[in-house]
Amino acid sequence: NSKFCYLKYSDDEENQTFLFFLGADSVCNHMRIIYDRSLRNQKIKDLDTLYLKTGENMWTEKRDGKEYIIQGTDEKWSFILNIDQKN
């Protein structure tokens, strides 16, 4: 792919797909997780337990002096999480 450099992993049932987008230095600068819609409610519960909820389908995490924004999006067939480092 000439536009994006990424790694893609899926579970055996293909209910979860993880995409790690890499910068020019081969360091991950964005992560996207695509879940089958049937996993949405459990993932929301997990996120509410693990991270600070900051809005509708939004959470933050602080780790190693960095803050990360986690944002969920409902699609017709999937629930998508985007994870980015806060600038």
PDB file of N, CA and C in Angstrom:
ATOM      1  N   ASN A   1       0.859  -1.172   0.000  1.00  0.00           N
ATOM      2  CA  ASN A   1       0.000   0.000   0.000  1.00  0.00           C
ATOM      3  C   ASN A   1       0.902   1.231   0.000  1.00  0.00           C
ATOM      4  N   SER A   2       0.802   2.045  -1.030  1.00  0.00           N
ATOM      5  CA  SER A   2       1.681   3.215  -1.147  1.00  0.00           C
ATOM      6  C   SER A   2       1.229   4.381  -0.276  1.00  0.00           C
ATOM      7  N   LYS A   3      -0.004   4.362   0.217  1.00  0.00           N
ATOM      8  CA  LYS A   3      -0.510   5.473   1.027  1.00  0.00           C
ATOM      9  C   LYS A   3      -0.320   5.233   2.524  1.00  0.00           C
ATOM     10  N   PHE A   4      -0.566   4.017   2.998  1.00  0.00           N
ATOM     11  CA  PHE A   4      -0.470   3.691   4.411  1.00  0.00           C
ATOM     12  C   PHE A   4       0.466   2.504   4.616  1.00  0.00           C
ATOM     13  N   CYS A   5       1.214   2.572   5.693  1.00  0.00           N
ATOM     14  CA  CYS A   5       2.025   1.443   6.117  1.00  0.00           C
ATOM     15  C   CYS A   5       1.379   0.923   7.399  1.00  0.00           C
ATOM     16  N   TYR A   6       0.917  -0.322   7.389  1.00  0.00           N
ATOM     17  CA  TYR A   6       0.210  -0.840   8.553  1.00  0.00           C
ATOM     18  C   TYR A   6       0.394  -2.339   8.700  1.00  0.00           C
ATOM     19  N   LEU A   7       0.128  -2.791   9.920  1.00  0.00           N
ATOM     20  CA  LEU A   7       0.085  -4.208  10.226  1.00  0.00           C
ATOM     21  C   LEU A   7      -1.360  -4.564  10.530  1.00  0.00           C
ATOM     22  N   LYS A   8      -1.794  -5.716  10.071  1.00  0.00           N
ATOM     23  CA  LYS A   8      -3.176  -6.143  10.270  1.00  0.00           C
ATOM     24  C   LYS A   8      -3.190  -7.531  10.899  1.00  0.00           C
ATOM     25  N   TYR A   9      -3.967  -7.663  11.975  1.00  0.00           N
ATOM     26  CA  TYR A   9      -4.135  -8.946  12.659  1.00  0.00           C
ATOM     27  C   TYR A   9      -5.622  -9.179  12.883  1.00  0.00           C
ATOM     28  N   SER A  10      -6.063 -10.415  12.667  1.00  0.00           N
ATOM     29  CA  SER A  10      -7.452 -10.799  12.934  1.00  0.00           C
ATOM     30  C   SER A  10      -7.456 -12.054  13.788  1.00  0.00           C
ATOM     31  N   ASP A  11      -8.510 -12.206  14.623  1.00  0.00           N
ATOM     32  CA  ASP A  11      -8.634 -13.430  15.395  1.00  0.00           C
ATOM     33  C   ASP A  11      -9.137 -14.558  14.492  1.00  0.00           C
ATOM     34  N   ASP A  12      -9.116 -15.774  15.009  1.00  0.00           N
ATOM     35  CA  ASP A  12      -9.486 -16.938  14.200  1.00  0.00           C
ATOM     36  C   ASP A  12     -10.906 -16.866  13.660  1.00  0.00           C
ATOM     37  N   GLU A  13     -11.816 -16.303  14.446  1.00  0.00           N
ATOM     38  CA  GLU A  13     -13.213 -16.196  14.011  1.00  0.00           C
ATOM     39  C   GLU A  13     -13.463 -14.950  13.177  1.00  0.00           C
ATOM     40  N   GLU A  14     -12.453 -14.100  13.064  1.00  0.00           N
ATOM     41  CA  GLU A  14     -12.538 -12.816  12.357  1.00  0.00           C
ATOM     42  C   GLU A  14     -13.612 -11.914  12.943  1.00  0.00           C
ATOM     43  N   ASN A  15     -13.766 -11.980  14.282  1.00  0.00           N
ATOM     44  CA  ASN A  15     -14.670 -11.081  14.997  1.00  0.00           C
ATOM     45  C   ASN A  15     -13.962  -9.806  15.425  1.00  0.00           C
ATOM     46  N   GLN A  16     -12.618  -9.833  15.379  1.00  0.00           N
ATOM     47  CA  GLN A  16     -11.824  -8.689  15.787  1.00  0.00           C
ATOM     48  C   GLN A  16     -10.668  -8.523  14.808  1.00  0.00           C
ATOM     49  N   THR A  17     -10.490  -7.315  14.325  1.00  0.00           N
ATOM     50  CA  THR A  17      -9.365  -7.001  13.443  1.00  0.00           C
ATOM     51  C   THR A  17      -8.630  -5.811  14.025  1.00  0.00           C
ATOM     52  N   PHE A  18      -7.321  -5.955  14.169  1.00  0.00           N
ATOM     53  CA  PHE A  18      -6.470  -4.906  14.719  1.00  0.00           C
ATOM     54  C   PHE A  18      -5.607  -4.342  13.598  1.00  0.00           C
ATOM     55  N   LEU A  19      -5.618  -3.023  13.447  1.00  0.00           N
ATOM     56  CA  LEU A  19      -4.784  -2.347  12.461  1.00  0.00           C
ATOM     57  C   LEU A  19      -3.844  -1.397  13.198  1.00  0.00           C
ATOM     58  N   PHE A  20      -2.543  -1.553  12.960  1.00  0.00           N
ATOM     59  CA  PHE A  20      -1.537  -0.686  13.554  1.00  0.00           C
ATOM     60  C   PHE A  20      -0.931   0.134  12.422  1.00  0.00           C
ATOM     61  N   PHE A  21      -1.193   1.442  12.401  1.00  0.00           N
ATOM     62  CA  PHE A  21      -0.678   2.321  11.359  1.00  0.00           C
ATOM     63  C   PHE A  21       0.678   2.863  11.787  1.00  0.00           C
ATOM     64  N   LEU A  22       1.663   2.714  10.912  1.00  0.00           N
ATOM     65  CA  LEU A  22       3.036   3.057  11.226  1.00  0.00           C
ATOM     66  C   LEU A  22       3.468   4.326  10.489  1.00  0.00           C
ATOM     67  N   GLY A  23       4.253   5.133  11.174  1.00  0.00           N
ATOM     68  CA  GLY A  23       4.817   6.325  10.556  1.00  0.00           C
ATOM     69  C   GLY A  23       6.056   5.965   9.754  1.00  0.00           C
ATOM     70  N   ALA A  24       6.713   6.986   9.192  1.00  0.00           N
ATOM     71  CA  ALA A  24       7.917   6.787   8.385  1.00  0.00           C
ATOM     72  C   ALA A  24       9.031   6.124   9.189  1.00  0.00           C
ATOM     73  N   ASP A  25       9.011   6.310  10.514  1.00  0.00           N
ATOM     74  CA  ASP A  25      10.018   5.714  11.397  1.00  0.00           C
ATOM     75  C   ASP A  25       9.627   4.312  11.868  1.00  0.00           C
ATOM     76  N   SER A  26       8.568   3.745  11.294  1.00  0.00           N
ATOM     77  CA  SER A  26       8.052   2.409  11.628  1.00  0.00           C
ATOM     78  C   SER A  26       7.532   2.298  13.057  1.00  0.00           C
ATOM     79  N   VAL A  27       7.140   3.421  13.647  1.00  0.00           N
ATOM     80  CA  VAL A  27       6.552   3.451  14.982  1.00  0.00           C
ATOM     81  C   VAL A  27       5.044   3.633  14.829  1.00  0.00           C
ATOM     82  N   CYS A  28       4.275   2.884  15.604  1.00  0.00           N
ATOM     83  CA  CYS A  28       2.814   2.983  15.541  1.00  0.00           C
ATOM     84  C   CYS A  28       2.367   4.369  15.990  1.00  0.00           C
ATOM     85  N   ASN A  29       1.572   5.042  15.146  1.00  0.00           N
ATOM     86  CA  ASN A  29       1.051   6.364  15.503  1.00  0.00           C
ATOM     87  C   ASN A  29      -0.476   6.408  15.532  1.00  0.00           C
ATOM     88  N   HIS A  30      -1.114   5.292  15.230  1.00  0.00           N
ATOM     89  CA  HIS A  30      -2.582   5.208  15.261  1.00  0.00           C
ATOM     90  C   HIS A  30      -2.954   3.731  15.287  1.00  0.00           C
ATOM     91  N   MET A  31      -3.999   3.418  16.043  1.00  0.00           N
ATOM     92  CA  MET A  31      -4.473   2.041  16.106  1.00  0.00           C
ATOM     93  C   MET A  31      -5.979   2.024  15.894  1.00  0.00           C
ATOM     94  N   ARG A  32      -6.442   1.064  15.140  1.00  0.00           N
ATOM     95  CA  ARG A  32      -7.878   0.891  14.905  1.00  0.00           C
ATOM     96  C   ARG A  32      -8.221  -0.566  15.172  1.00  0.00           C
ATOM     97  N   ILE A  33      -9.283  -0.766  15.948  1.00  0.00           N
ATOM     98  CA  ILE A  33      -9.776  -2.110  16.220  1.00  0.00           C
ATOM     99  C   ILE A  33     -11.207  -2.175  15.702  1.00  0.00           C
ATOM    100  N   ILE A  34     -11.472  -3.164  14.882  1.00  0.00           N
ATOM    101  CA  ILE A  34     -12.799  -3.348  14.308  1.00  0.00           C
ATOM    102  C   ILE A  34     -13.389  -4.621  14.905  1.00  0.00           C
ATOM    103  N   TYR A  35     -14.481  -4.450  15.641  1.00  0.00           N
ATOM    104  CA  TYR A  35     -15.149  -5.573  16.299  1.00  0.00           C
ATOM    105  C   TYR A  35     -16.442  -5.910  15.572  1.00  0.00           C
ATOM    106  N   ASP A  36     -16.785  -7.172  15.560  1.00  0.00           N
ATOM    107  CA  ASP A  36     -18.105  -7.572  15.106  1.00  0.00           C
ATOM    108  C   ASP A  36     -19.135  -6.880  16.003  1.00  0.00           C
ATOM    109  N   ARG A  37     -20.221  -6.457  15.444  1.00  0.00           N
ATOM    110  CA  ARG A  37     -21.248  -5.712  16.175  1.00  0.00           C
ATOM    111  C   ARG A  37     -21.736  -6.459  17.428  1.00  0.00           C
ATOM    112  N   SER A  38     -21.726  -7.782  17.397  1.00  0.00           N
ATOM    113  CA  SER A  38     -22.202  -8.575  18.536  1.00  0.00           C
ATOM    114  C   SER A  38     -21.308  -8.409  19.770  1.00  0.00           C
ATOM    115  N   LEU A  39     -20.095  -7.918  19.615  1.00  0.00           N
ATOM    116  CA  LEU A  39     -19.165  -7.719  20.729  1.00  0.00           C
ATOM    117  C   LEU A  39     -19.248  -6.326  21.346  1.00  0.00           C
ATOM    118  N   ARG A  40     -20.037  -5.444  20.748  1.00  0.00           N
ATOM    119  CA  ARG A  40     -20.069  -4.038  21.149  1.00  0.00           C
ATOM    120  C   ARG A  40     -20.344  -3.834  22.639  1.00  0.00           C
ATOM    121  N   ASN A  41     -21.419  -4.387  23.149  1.00  0.00           N
ATOM    122  CA  ASN A  41     -21.820  -4.120  24.538  1.00  0.00           C
ATOM    123  C   ASN A  41     -20.761  -4.563  25.533  1.00  0.00           C
ATOM    124  N   GLN A  42     -20.154  -5.722  25.302  1.00  0.00           N
ATOM    125  CA  GLN A  42     -19.102  -6.178  26.208  1.00  0.00           C
ATOM    126  C   GLN A  42     -17.874  -5.280  26.111  1.00  0.00           C
ATOM    127  N   LYS A  43     -17.531  -4.829  24.922  1.00  0.00           N
ATOM    128  CA  LYS A  43     -16.371  -3.946  24.761  1.00  0.00           C
ATOM    129  C   LYS A  43     -16.610  -2.602  25.451  1.00  0.00           C
ATOM    130  N   ILE A  44     -17.832  -2.085  25.376  1.00  0.00           N
ATOM    131  CA  ILE A  44     -18.168  -0.825  26.065  1.00  0.00           C
ATOM    132  C   ILE A  44     -17.998  -1.010  27.574  1.00  0.00           C
ATOM    133  N   LYS A  45     -18.487  -2.123  28.111  1.00  0.00           N
ATOM    134  CA  LYS A  45     -18.325  -2.399  29.548  1.00  0.00           C
ATOM    135  C   LYS A  45     -16.850  -2.466  29.922  1.00  0.00           C
ATOM    136  N   ASP A  46     -16.063  -3.144  29.101  1.00  0.00           N
ATOM    137  CA  ASP A  46     -14.622  -3.252  29.353  1.00  0.00           C
ATOM    138  C   ASP A  46     -13.963  -1.877  29.347  1.00  0.00           C
ATOM    139  N   LEU A  47     -14.283  -1.065  28.364  1.00  0.00           N
ATOM    140  CA  LEU A  47     -13.697   0.275  28.260  1.00  0.00           C
ATOM    141  C   LEU A  47     -14.096   1.149  29.445  1.00  0.00           C
ATOM    142  N   ASP A  48     -15.371   1.055  29.847  1.00  0.00           N
ATOM    143  CA  ASP A  48     -15.844   1.837  31.004  1.00  0.00           C
ATOM    144  C   ASP A  48     -15.103   1.448  32.283  1.00  0.00           C
ATOM    145  N   THR A  49     -14.718   0.184  32.386  1.00  0.00           N
ATOM    146  CA  THR A  49     -14.007  -0.308  33.564  1.00  0.00           C
ATOM    147  C   THR A  49     -12.526   0.083  33.544  1.00  0.00           C
ATOM    148  N   LEU A  50     -11.913   0.012  32.383  1.00  0.00           N
ATOM    149  CA  LEU A  50     -10.466   0.197  32.271  1.00  0.00           C
ATOM    150  C   LEU A  50     -10.008   1.653  32.129  1.00  0.00           C
ATOM    151  N   TYR A  51     -10.850   2.505  31.524  1.00  0.00           N
ATOM    152  CA  TYR A  51     -10.412   3.855  31.162  1.00  0.00           C
ATOM    153  C   TYR A  51     -11.390   4.907  31.671  1.00  0.00           C
ATOM    154  N   LEU A  52     -10.956   6.147  31.641  1.00  0.00           N
ATOM    155  CA  LEU A  52     -11.785   7.264  32.061  1.00  0.00           C
ATOM    156  C   LEU A  52     -12.726   7.655  30.926  1.00  0.00           C
ATOM    157  N   LYS A  53     -14.013   7.558  31.174  1.00  0.00           N
ATOM    158  CA  LYS A  53     -15.004   7.930  30.165  1.00  0.00           C
ATOM    159  C   LYS A  53     -15.080   9.446  30.086  1.00  0.00           C
ATOM    160  N   THR A  54     -14.947   9.998  28.879  1.00  0.00           N
ATOM    161  CA  THR A  54     -14.933  11.449  28.701  1.00  0.00           C
ATOM    162  C   THR A  54     -16.082  11.955  27.844  1.00  0.00           C
ATOM    163  N   GLY A  55     -16.911  11.052  27.338  1.00  0.00           N
ATOM    164  CA  GLY A  55     -18.044  11.430  26.500  1.00  0.00           C
ATOM    165  C   GLY A  55     -18.701  10.182  25.950  1.00  0.00           C
ATOM    166  N   GLU A  56     -19.665  10.386  25.090  1.00  0.00           N
ATOM    167  CA  GLU A  56     -20.357   9.272  24.448  1.00  0.00           C
ATOM    168  C   GLU A  56     -19.375   8.514  23.556  1.00  0.00           C
ATOM    169  N   ASN A  57     -19.124   7.253  23.897  1.00  0.00           N
ATOM    170  CA  ASN A  57     -18.173   6.413  23.169  1.00  0.00           C
ATOM    171  C   ASN A  57     -16.774   7.019  23.099  1.00  0.00           C
ATOM    172  N   MET A  58     -16.363   7.705  24.190  1.00  0.00           N
ATOM    173  CA  MET A  58     -15.021   8.290  24.256  1.00  0.00           C
ATOM    174  C   MET A  58     -14.396   8.031  25.622  1.00  0.00           C
ATOM    175  N   TRP A  59     -13.097   7.695  25.608  1.00  0.00           N
ATOM    176  CA  TRP A  59     -12.353   7.415  26.829  1.00  0.00           C
ATOM    177  C   TRP A  59     -10.946   7.982  26.677  1.00  0.00           C
ATOM    178  N   THR A  60     -10.254   8.130  27.815  1.00  0.00           N
ATOM    179  CA  THR A  60      -8.844   8.497  27.790  1.00  0.00           C
ATOM    180  C   THR A  60      -8.058   7.527  28.659  1.00  0.00           C
ATOM    181  N   GLU A  61      -6.805   7.383  28.318  1.00  0.00           N
ATOM    182  CA  GLU A  61      -5.883   6.566  29.101  1.00  0.00           C
ATOM    183  C   GLU A  61      -4.578   7.326  29.225  1.00  0.00           C
ATOM    184  N   LYS A  62      -4.001   7.310  30.415  1.00  0.00           N
ATOM    185  CA  LYS A  62      -2.680   7.892  30.636  1.00  0.00           C
ATOM    186  C   LYS A  62      -1.726   6.755  30.954  1.00  0.00           C
ATOM    187  N   ARG A  63      -0.629   6.694  30.189  1.00  0.00           N
ATOM    188  CA  ARG A  63       0.357   5.623  30.376  1.00  0.00           C
ATOM    189  C   ARG A  63       1.739   6.157  30.004  1.00  0.00           C
ATOM    190  N   ASP A  64       2.686   5.926  30.880  1.00  0.00           N
ATOM    191  CA  ASP A  64       4.080   6.321  30.641  1.00  0.00           C
ATOM    192  C   ASP A  64       4.208   7.802  30.278  1.00  0.00           C
ATOM    193  N   GLY A  65       3.432   8.649  30.956  1.00  0.00           N
ATOM    194  CA  GLY A  65       3.503  10.088  30.727  1.00  0.00           C
ATOM    195  C   GLY A  65       2.820  10.572  29.467  1.00  0.00           C
ATOM    196  N   LYS A  66       2.105   9.698  28.779  1.00  0.00           N
ATOM    197  CA  LYS A  66       1.394  10.068  27.549  1.00  0.00           C
ATOM    198  C   LYS A  66      -0.092   9.838  27.750  1.00  0.00           C
ATOM    199  N   GLU A  67      -0.883  10.630  27.043  1.00  0.00           N
ATOM    200  CA  GLU A  67      -2.343  10.488  27.114  1.00  0.00           C
ATOM    201  C   GLU A  67      -2.859  10.014  25.765  1.00  0.00           C
ATOM    202  N   TYR A  68      -3.784   9.062  25.820  1.00  0.00           N
ATOM    203  CA  TYR A  68      -4.356   8.485  24.615  1.00  0.00           C
ATOM    204  C   TYR A  68      -5.864   8.702  24.594  1.00  0.00           C
ATOM    205  N   ILE A  69      -6.363   9.012  23.414  1.00  0.00           N
ATOM    206  CA  ILE A  69      -7.796   9.204  23.191  1.00  0.00           C
ATOM    207  C   ILE A  69      -8.333   7.947  22.510  1.00  0.00           C
ATOM    208  N   ILE A  70      -9.396   7.389  23.080  1.00  0.00           N
ATOM    209  CA  ILE A  70     -10.043   6.199  22.534  1.00  0.00           C
ATOM    210  C   ILE A  70     -11.461   6.613  22.142  1.00  0.00           C
ATOM    211  N   GLN A  71     -11.780   6.450  20.868  1.00  0.00           N
ATOM    212  CA  GLN A  71     -13.095   6.872  20.391  1.00  0.00           C
ATOM    213  C   GLN A  71     -13.762   5.722  19.646  1.00  0.00           C
ATOM    214  N   GLY A  72     -14.998   5.424  20.047  1.00  0.00           N
ATOM    215  CA  GLY A  72     -15.771   4.365  19.418  1.00  0.00           C
ATOM    216  C   GLY A  72     -16.754   4.915  18.408  1.00  0.00           C
ATOM    217  N   THR A  73     -16.967   4.147  17.351  1.00  0.00           N
ATOM    218  CA  THR A  73     -17.913   4.514  16.301  1.00  0.00           C
ATOM    219  C   THR A  73     -18.788   3.306  15.997  1.00  0.00           C
ATOM    220  N   ASP A  74     -20.090   3.523  15.994  1.00  0.00           N
ATOM    221  CA  ASP A  74     -21.034   2.463  15.642  1.00  0.00           C
ATOM    222  C   ASP A  74     -21.267   2.461  14.141  1.00  0.00           C
ATOM    223  N   GLU A  75     -21.049   1.320  13.540  1.00  0.00           N
ATOM    224  CA  GLU A  75     -21.346   1.118  12.130  1.00  0.00           C
ATOM    225  C   GLU A  75     -22.434   0.054  12.036  1.00  0.00           C
ATOM    226  N   LYS A  76     -22.978  -0.141  10.867  1.00  0.00           N
ATOM    227  CA  LYS A  76     -24.071  -1.095  10.706  1.00  0.00           C
ATOM    228  C   LYS A  76     -23.664  -2.507  11.123  1.00  0.00           C
ATOM    229  N   TRP A  77     -22.476  -2.953  10.726  1.00  0.00           N
ATOM    230  CA  TRP A  77     -22.046  -4.325  10.988  1.00  0.00           C
ATOM    231  C   TRP A  77     -20.881  -4.424  11.964  1.00  0.00           C
ATOM    232  N   SER A  78     -20.416  -3.282  12.471  1.00  0.00           N
ATOM    233  CA  SER A  78     -19.232  -3.332  13.323  1.00  0.00           C
ATOM    234  C   SER A  78     -19.235  -2.203  14.359  1.00  0.00           C
ATOM    235  N   PHE A  79     -18.346  -2.363  15.339  1.00  0.00           N
ATOM    236  CA  PHE A  79     -18.053  -1.327  16.316  1.00  0.00           C
ATOM    237  C   PHE A  79     -16.558  -1.059  16.186  1.00  0.00           C
ATOM    238  N   ILE A  80     -16.189   0.181  15.910  1.00  0.00           N
ATOM    239  CA  ILE A  80     -14.810   0.534  15.615  1.00  0.00           C
ATOM    240  C   ILE A  80     -14.231   1.391  16.713  1.00  0.00           C
ATOM    241  N   LEU A  81     -13.037   1.050  17.168  1.00  0.00           N
ATOM    242  CA  LEU A  81     -12.297   1.881  18.117  1.00  0.00           C
ATOM    243  C   LEU A  81     -11.083   2.465  17.421  1.00  0.00           C
ATOM    244  N   ASN A  82     -10.905   3.768  17.570  1.00  0.00           N
ATOM    245  CA  ASN A  82      -9.714   4.449  17.110  1.00  0.00           C
ATOM    246  C   ASN A  82      -8.949   4.943  18.316  1.00  0.00           C
ATOM    247  N   ILE A  83      -7.661   4.681  18.335  1.00  0.00           N
ATOM    248  CA  ILE A  83      -6.819   5.068  19.466  1.00  0.00           C
ATOM    249  C   ILE A  83      -5.681   5.930  18.943  1.00  0.00           C
ATOM    250  N   ASP A  84      -5.577   7.145  19.491  1.00  0.00           N
ATOM    251  CA  ASP A  84      -4.557   8.098  19.087  1.00  0.00           C
ATOM    252  C   ASP A  84      -3.923   8.728  20.308  1.00  0.00           C
ATOM    253  N   GLN A  85      -2.663   9.095  20.187  1.00  0.00           N
ATOM    254  CA  GLN A  85      -2.002   9.824  21.251  1.00  0.00           C
ATOM    255  C   GLN A  85      -2.468  11.282  21.196  1.00  0.00           C
ATOM    256  N   LYS A  86      -2.798  11.826  22.361  1.00  0.00           N
ATOM    257  CA  LYS A  86      -3.226  13.220  22.439  1.00  0.00           C
ATOM    258  C   LYS A  86      -2.008  14.103  22.248  1.00  0.00           C
ATOM    259  N   ASN A  87      -2.140  15.129  21.426  1.00  0.00           N
ATOM    260  CA  ASN A  87      -1.026  16.063  21.172  1.00  0.00           C
ATOM    261  C   ASN A  87      -0.888  17.081  22.253  1.00  0.00           C
TER     262      ASN A  87
END
